[in-house]
Structure formats: structure tokens, C-alpha cells
Amino acid sequence: MIQTLLFVALGGALGSALRYLVNVSLPRLMGHGFPYATMVVNVVGSFAMGVLVVVLAMKGGNRFAPFLMTGILGGFTTFSAFSLDAAKLWEAGEVTTAASYVVGTVVLGLAALFAGMAFARGFFA
């Protein structure tokens, strides 16, 4: 139990550091008017989750799930930040932008999850 907890903590630290790098670099590339960084980490994280859930199940690697899925992806993805970004846009009167951000993130995140699962099934089958 303690060893698993340490792996989750290590993964969380790595995922959070990766998220920080995206949060710092992406607005410099894309601009500051839209929360691209949060959307990107959630979509990429969803794709990675789709890949991992298939690969770990197919390869008998579920013992790595706490480190990879709970730790790294839990630290990397930012649903709470997503919610805050949407609320800020809404409260700033950017209702259309907020709605497109929410719908885009959810639809792209689900699409990325299914794409990751399909990719993994095709690649590892």
C-alpha cells in the first residue's frame, strides 16, 4: 500500500510538472485569450488514458495503473482548472466562448479517449 502511494505521488509530481510546462509554453505560442493549455492537457490526457486502459489490460500491466493513470494523468489533466476557466469566461460575459470551450473540451476529450483506445487496439492487437 505504501509503495503504491509513493508511485501515485511520484506520477502526480511528474504529471503536474508536465502540465506546468504546457501552461507556460502554450499561451506564448497560441495567445492568452482562450484557455488552450487546459483544453490541450485534457484532450491529450484523455487520449493517453484511452491508450493506457487498453494497453494495460491487454498486456497485464494493471499494476502500473496507479503510477500512470492516477499519478501522471491525474496530475497532468486539469478538470478543476477547466471548470474555473469556463466560469471565468462566463462571468466575463464571454458566454459563446465559454460554451464553445466546454463543448469543445468535452467532445474532443471523449473523441481523444476513443481514438486512444482504437490506436492501442490496432497497435497492440
C-alpha atoms as a PDB file:
ATOM      1  CA  MET A   1       0.000   0.000   0.000  1.00  0.00           C
ATOM      2  CA  ILE A   2       2.747   2.491   0.919  1.00  0.00           C
ATOM      3  CA  GLN A   3       4.720   1.606  -2.206  1.00  0.00           C
ATOM      4  CA  THR A   4       1.652   2.188  -4.400  1.00  0.00           C
ATOM      5  CA  LEU A   5       1.003   5.505  -2.667  1.00  0.00           C
ATOM      6  CA  LEU A   6       4.589   6.569  -3.368  1.00  0.00           C
ATOM      7  CA  PHE A   7       4.217   5.618  -7.044  1.00  0.00           C
ATOM      8  CA  VAL A   8       0.995   7.664  -7.284  1.00  0.00           C
ATOM      9  CA  ALA A   9       2.749  10.624  -5.637  1.00  0.00           C
ATOM     10  CA  LEU A  10       5.739  10.357  -7.974  1.00  0.00           C
ATOM     11  CA  GLY A  11       3.462  10.099 -11.001  1.00  0.00           C
ATOM     12  CA  GLY A  12       1.425  13.061  -9.777  1.00  0.00           C
ATOM     13  CA  ALA A  13       4.576  15.144  -9.452  1.00  0.00           C
ATOM     14  CA  LEU A  14       5.656  14.249 -12.982  1.00  0.00           C
ATOM     15  CA  GLY A  15       2.203  14.917 -14.434  1.00  0.00           C
ATOM     16  CA  SER A  16       1.922  18.242 -12.632  1.00  0.00           C
ATOM     17  CA  ALA A  17       5.345  19.312 -13.886  1.00  0.00           C
ATOM     18  CA  LEU A  18       4.327  18.430 -17.445  1.00  0.00           C
ATOM     19  CA  ARG A  19       1.083  20.371 -17.048  1.00  0.00           C
ATOM     20  CA  TYR A  20       3.027  23.374 -15.791  1.00  0.00           C
ATOM     21  CA  LEU A  21       5.273  23.276 -18.856  1.00  0.00           C
ATOM     22  CA  VAL A  22       2.222  23.219 -21.147  1.00  0.00           C
ATOM     23  CA  ASN A  23       0.562  26.029 -19.151  1.00  0.00           C
ATOM     24  CA  VAL A  24       3.653  28.205 -19.516  1.00  0.00           C
ATOM     25  CA  SER A  25       4.579  27.475 -23.119  1.00  0.00           C
ATOM     26  CA  LEU A  26       1.263  27.135 -24.950  1.00  0.00           C
ATOM     27  CA  PRO A  27      -0.109  30.634 -24.225  1.00  0.00           C
ATOM     28  CA  ARG A  28       3.159  32.036 -25.583  1.00  0.00           C
ATOM     29  CA  LEU A  29       2.556  30.145 -28.815  1.00  0.00           C
ATOM     30  CA  MET A  30      -1.234  30.458 -29.123  1.00  0.00           C
ATOM     31  CA  GLY A  31      -2.051  33.662 -27.256  1.00  0.00           C
ATOM     32  CA  HIS A  32      -3.751  34.405 -23.953  1.00  0.00           C
ATOM     33  CA  GLY A  33      -7.391  34.945 -24.972  1.00  0.00           C
ATOM     34  CA  PHE A  34      -8.520  31.309 -24.837  1.00  0.00           C
ATOM     35  CA  PRO A  35      -7.577  28.612 -22.302  1.00  0.00           C
ATOM     36  CA  TYR A  36      -5.784  26.453 -24.891  1.00  0.00           C
ATOM     37  CA  ALA A  37      -3.387  24.927 -22.375  1.00  0.00           C
ATOM     38  CA  THR A  38      -6.144  23.481 -20.202  1.00  0.00           C
ATOM     39  CA  MET A  39      -8.001  22.190 -23.234  1.00  0.00           C
ATOM     40  CA  VAL A  40      -4.850  20.608 -24.683  1.00  0.00           C
ATOM     41  CA  VAL A  41      -3.862  18.815 -21.477  1.00  0.00           C
ATOM     42  CA  ASN A  42      -7.385  17.462 -21.064  1.00  0.00           C
ATOM     43  CA  VAL A  43      -7.579  16.227 -24.675  1.00  0.00           C
ATOM     44  CA  VAL A  44      -4.048  14.773 -24.656  1.00  0.00           C
ATOM     45  CA  GLY A  45      -4.688  13.252 -21.236  1.00  0.00           C
ATOM     46  CA  SER A  46      -7.919  11.683 -22.495  1.00  0.00           C
ATOM     47  CA  PHE A  47      -6.089  10.166 -25.475  1.00  0.00           C
ATOM     48  CA  ALA A  48      -3.358   8.830 -23.203  1.00  0.00           C
ATOM     49  CA  MET A  49      -5.974   7.416 -20.822  1.00  0.00           C
ATOM     50  CA  GLY A  50      -7.602   5.617 -23.753  1.00  0.00           C
ATOM     51  CA  VAL A  51      -4.282   4.132 -24.817  1.00  0.00           C
ATOM     52  CA  LEU A  52      -3.336   3.100 -21.291  1.00  0.00           C
ATOM     53  CA  VAL A  53      -6.641   1.493 -20.361  1.00  0.00           C
ATOM     54  CA  VAL A  54      -6.360  -0.806 -23.391  1.00  0.00           C
ATOM     55  CA  VAL A  55      -2.620  -1.469 -23.270  1.00  0.00           C
ATOM     56  CA  LEU A  56      -2.510  -2.178 -19.550  1.00  0.00           C
ATOM     57  CA  ALA A  57      -5.495  -4.521 -19.804  1.00  0.00           C
ATOM     58  CA  MET A  58      -4.149  -6.335 -22.872  1.00  0.00           C
ATOM     59  CA  LYS A  59      -0.614  -6.659 -21.563  1.00  0.00           C
ATOM     60  CA  GLY A  60      -1.498  -7.480 -17.970  1.00  0.00           C
ATOM     61  CA  GLY A  61       0.014  -4.232 -16.769  1.00  0.00           C
ATOM     62  CA  ASN A  62      -2.736  -3.066 -14.436  1.00  0.00           C
ATOM     63  CA  ARG A  63      -0.179  -2.892 -11.641  1.00  0.00           C
ATOM     64  CA  PHE A  64       1.195   0.211 -13.410  1.00  0.00           C
ATOM     65  CA  ALA A  65      -2.214   1.948 -13.429  1.00  0.00           C
ATOM     66  CA  PRO A  66      -1.729   3.792 -10.114  1.00  0.00           C
ATOM     67  CA  PHE A  67       1.534   5.378 -11.319  1.00  0.00           C
ATOM     68  CA  LEU A  68       0.473   6.067 -14.911  1.00  0.00           C
ATOM     69  CA  MET A  69      -3.263   6.723 -14.738  1.00  0.00           C
ATOM     70  CA  THR A  70      -3.891   8.018 -11.230  1.00  0.00           C
ATOM     71  CA  GLY A  71      -0.485   9.622 -10.797  1.00  0.00           C
ATOM     72  CA  ILE A  72       0.816  11.013 -14.096  1.00  0.00           C
ATOM     73  CA  LEU A  73      -2.506  11.565 -15.848  1.00  0.00           C
ATOM     74  CA  GLY A  74      -4.216  12.690 -12.656  1.00  0.00           C
ATOM     75  CA  GLY A  75      -1.514  15.303 -12.174  1.00  0.00           C
ATOM     76  CA  PHE A  76      -1.440  16.237 -15.864  1.00  0.00           C
ATOM     77  CA  THR A  77      -5.124  16.694 -16.626  1.00  0.00           C
ATOM     78  CA  THR A  78      -6.920  19.622 -15.156  1.00  0.00           C
ATOM     79  CA  PHE A  79     -10.656  19.222 -14.898  1.00  0.00           C
ATOM     80  CA  SER A  80     -10.871  21.617 -11.967  1.00  0.00           C
ATOM     81  CA  ALA A  81      -8.881  24.200 -13.933  1.00  0.00           C
ATOM     82  CA  PHE A  82     -11.182  23.538 -16.902  1.00  0.00           C
ATOM     83  CA  SER A  83     -14.192  24.336 -14.724  1.00  0.00           C
ATOM     84  CA  LEU A  84     -12.574  27.514 -13.418  1.00  0.00           C
ATOM     85  CA  ASP A  85     -11.613  28.666 -16.929  1.00  0.00           C
ATOM     86  CA  ALA A  86     -15.191  28.127 -18.137  1.00  0.00           C
ATOM     87  CA  ALA A  87     -16.601  30.015 -15.152  1.00  0.00           C
ATOM     88  CA  LYS A  88     -14.210  32.942 -15.695  1.00  0.00           C
ATOM     89  CA  LEU A  89     -15.210  33.197 -19.352  1.00  0.00           C
ATOM     90  CA  TRP A  90     -18.894  33.032 -18.418  1.00  0.00           C
ATOM     91  CA  GLU A  91     -18.580  35.670 -15.694  1.00  0.00           C
ATOM     92  CA  ALA A  92     -16.628  37.923 -18.077  1.00  0.00           C
ATOM     93  CA  GLY A  93     -19.632  37.879 -20.382  1.00  0.00           C
ATOM     94  CA  GLU A  94     -17.897  35.622 -22.918  1.00  0.00           C
ATOM     95  CA  VAL A  95     -20.836  33.223 -22.980  1.00  0.00           C
ATOM     96  CA  THR A  96     -20.271  31.972 -26.544  1.00  0.00           C
ATOM     97  CA  THR A  97     -16.565  31.448 -25.898  1.00  0.00           C
ATOM     98  CA  ALA A  98     -17.332  29.655 -22.625  1.00  0.00           C
ATOM     99  CA  ALA A  99     -19.862  27.387 -24.328  1.00  0.00           C
ATOM    100  CA  SER A 100     -17.524  26.566 -27.218  1.00  0.00           C
ATOM    101  CA  TYR A 101     -14.729  25.860 -24.743  1.00  0.00           C
ATOM    102  CA  VAL A 102     -16.890  23.489 -22.674  1.00  0.00           C
ATOM    103  CA  VAL A 103     -18.380  21.681 -25.667  1.00  0.00           C
ATOM    104  CA  GLY A 104     -15.035  21.570 -27.487  1.00  0.00           C
ATOM    105  CA  THR A 105     -13.168  20.205 -24.500  1.00  0.00           C
ATOM    106  CA  VAL A 106     -15.763  17.557 -23.682  1.00  0.00           C
ATOM    107  CA  VAL A 107     -16.300  16.430 -27.282  1.00  0.00           C
ATOM    108  CA  LEU A 108     -12.590  16.460 -28.158  1.00  0.00           C
ATOM    109  CA  GLY A 109     -11.711  14.775 -24.859  1.00  0.00           C
ATOM    110  CA  LEU A 110     -14.168  11.943 -25.472  1.00  0.00           C
ATOM    111  CA  ALA A 111     -13.065  11.658 -29.095  1.00  0.00           C
ATOM    112  CA  ALA A 112      -9.432  11.538 -27.979  1.00  0.00           C
ATOM    113  CA  LEU A 113     -10.212   8.823 -25.427  1.00  0.00           C
ATOM    114  CA  PHE A 114     -11.877   6.657 -28.092  1.00  0.00           C
ATOM    115  CA  ALA A 115      -9.073   7.444 -30.547  1.00  0.00           C
ATOM    116  CA  GLY A 116      -6.505   6.365 -27.970  1.00  0.00           C
ATOM    117  CA  MET A 117      -8.379   3.130 -27.358  1.00  0.00           C
ATOM    118  CA  ALA A 118      -8.653   2.432 -31.113  1.00  0.00           C
ATOM    119  CA  PHE A 119      -4.984   3.270 -31.623  1.00  0.00           C
ATOM    120  CA  ALA A 120      -3.914   0.953 -28.824  1.00  0.00           C
ATOM    121  CA  ARG A 121      -6.152  -1.869 -30.009  1.00  0.00           C
ATOM    122  CA  GLY A 122      -4.776  -1.544 -33.542  1.00  0.00           C
ATOM    123  CA  PHE A 123      -1.181  -1.163 -32.457  1.00  0.00           C
ATOM    124  CA  PHE A 124      -1.082  -3.818 -29.758  1.00  0.00           C
ATOM    125  CA  ALA A 125      -3.607  -6.336 -31.121  1.00  0.00           C
END
